Amino acid sequence: MNGVHRSPNRFFDGRIEKRFPTSVPVYLASLEEPRAGERTLTENVSPHGARVFSQRSWRSGEESLITILTGEFPQVGRVIYCTPAGDRFGVGVEFPDRTVKWDSA
């Protein structure tokens, strides 16, 4: 069913965790080329994921490295989607192996 389930009163998109609209400064890089990264911002976050803005297009499944610029250790994530967002891209990243503490930002 493509992750979308119909209930009598609403649609369920497969998300379990609530997203929080939070702008957090991060360093975003490809795991393959960590020195070719960029400073950017999140649009929203959850304990196991984030939507970040990027100057480049990312492939679904590509591994990313995200570092919160206020001191959190780098997090390896997996790109879930990448969509155009004006003159940049909105990138959905999942952190399946650990919880990210965005409140420390």
Protein backbone atom coordinates (compact mmCIF):
# COMPACT_ATOMS: atom_id res chain seq x y z
CA MET A 1 0.00 0.00 0.00
CA ASN A 2 3.00 2.37 -0.46
CA GLY A 3 3.16 3.21 3.26
CA VAL A 4 -0.12 5.12 3.15
CA HIS A 5 -3.01 3.53 5.01
CA ARG A 6 -6.59 4.71 4.91
CA SER A 7 -8.54 4.81 8.14
CA PRO A 8 -12.19 5.79 8.40
CA ASN A 9 -11.36 9.42 9.29
CA ARG A 10 -7.86 10.19 8.01
CA PHE A 11 -4.76 9.09 6.14
CA PHE A 12 -1.68 7.67 7.86
CA ASP A 13 1.60 8.33 6.07
CA GLY A 14 3.69 5.77 7.97
CA ARG A 15 5.38 8.20 10.39
CA ILE A 16 5.51 7.17 14.01
CA GLU A 17 7.45 10.11 15.44
CA LYS A 18 6.23 13.67 15.62
CA ARG A 19 8.24 16.24 13.68
CA PHE A 20 9.15 19.56 15.26
CA PRO A 21 9.58 22.66 13.07
CA THR A 22 13.06 23.60 14.23
CA SER A 23 15.82 25.49 12.42
CA VAL A 24 19.10 23.96 13.58
CA PRO A 25 22.45 24.91 11.97
CA VAL A 26 24.17 21.77 10.68
CA TYR A 27 27.06 20.66 8.49
CA LEU A 28 25.77 18.32 5.76
CA ALA A 29 28.12 16.11 3.75
CA SER A 30 28.13 12.92 1.75
CA LEU A 31 29.71 10.02 3.60
CA GLU A 32 31.70 9.36 0.42
CA GLU A 33 33.12 12.93 0.35
CA PRO A 34 32.86 14.40 3.88
CA ARG A 35 35.12 17.38 3.07
CA ALA A 36 32.84 18.53 0.25
CA GLY A 37 29.98 19.45 2.58
CA GLU A 38 27.98 22.57 3.29
CA ARG A 39 26.64 24.54 6.23
CA THR A 40 22.87 24.58 6.16
CA LEU A 41 19.72 24.46 8.31
CA THR A 42 17.09 21.93 9.23
CA GLU A 43 13.45 22.68 8.48
CA ASN A 44 12.06 20.13 10.91
CA VAL A 45 13.43 17.38 13.12
CA SER A 46 12.41 14.22 14.98
CA PRO A 47 14.41 11.85 17.19
CA HIS A 48 15.31 9.65 14.21
CA GLY A 49 15.32 12.07 11.29
CA ALA A 50 15.38 15.56 9.85
CA ARG A 51 14.51 17.56 6.78
CA VAL A 52 17.48 19.72 5.80
CA PHE A 53 18.12 22.13 2.96
CA SER A 54 20.93 21.47 0.48
CA GLN A 55 22.45 23.22 -2.51
CA ARG A 56 22.69 19.92 -4.37
CA SER A 57 20.42 17.07 -5.28
CA TRP A 58 20.78 13.83 -3.28
CA ARG A 59 19.90 10.26 -4.27
CA SER A 60 17.48 8.21 -2.23
CA GLY A 61 19.54 5.72 -0.22
CA GLU A 62 22.69 7.87 -0.28
CA GLU A 63 24.50 8.03 3.05
CA SER A 64 24.93 11.45 4.60
CA LEU A 65 26.90 12.84 7.50
CA ILE A 66 25.14 15.50 9.56
CA THR A 67 26.87 17.39 12.35
CA ILE A 68 24.97 19.81 14.58
CA LEU A 69 27.19 22.89 14.72
CA THR A 70 26.73 23.36 18.46
CA GLY A 71 28.73 20.30 19.46
CA GLU A 72 26.83 17.06 18.81
CA PHE A 73 28.87 14.23 17.30
CA PRO A 74 28.43 13.60 13.55
CA GLN A 75 25.46 11.38 12.69
CA VAL A 76 25.38 8.99 9.75
CA GLY A 77 22.00 9.09 8.05
CA ARG A 78 20.28 7.69 4.99
CA VAL A 79 18.56 9.95 2.46
CA ILE A 80 14.88 9.02 2.15
CA TYR A 81 13.86 11.68 -0.37
CA CYS A 82 15.10 14.82 -2.10
CA THR A 83 12.69 17.37 -3.58
CA PRO A 84 13.20 20.79 -5.16
CA ALA A 85 12.59 23.65 -2.71
CA GLY A 86 13.00 26.91 -4.60
CA ASP A 87 16.67 27.43 -5.48
CA ARG A 88 17.76 24.49 -3.30
CA PHE A 89 16.58 21.01 -2.28
CA GLY A 90 14.68 19.64 0.71
CA VAL A 91 16.35 16.43 1.86
CA GLY A 92 14.72 13.93 4.21
CA VAL A 93 17.33 12.07 6.24
CA GLU A 94 16.69 9.11 8.55
CA PHE A 95 18.91 8.06 11.47
CA PRO A 96 17.74 4.47 11.95
CA ASP A 97 20.42 3.34 14.42
CA ARG A 98 20.27 6.02 17.09
CA THR A 99 18.31 8.91 18.56
CA VAL A 100 19.50 12.45 17.83
CA LYS A 101 19.17 15.03 20.61
CA TRP A 102 18.21 18.14 18.68
CA ASP A 103 17.38 20.04 21.87
CA SER A 104 21.09 20.37 22.60
CA ALA A 105 21.30 22.67 19.60
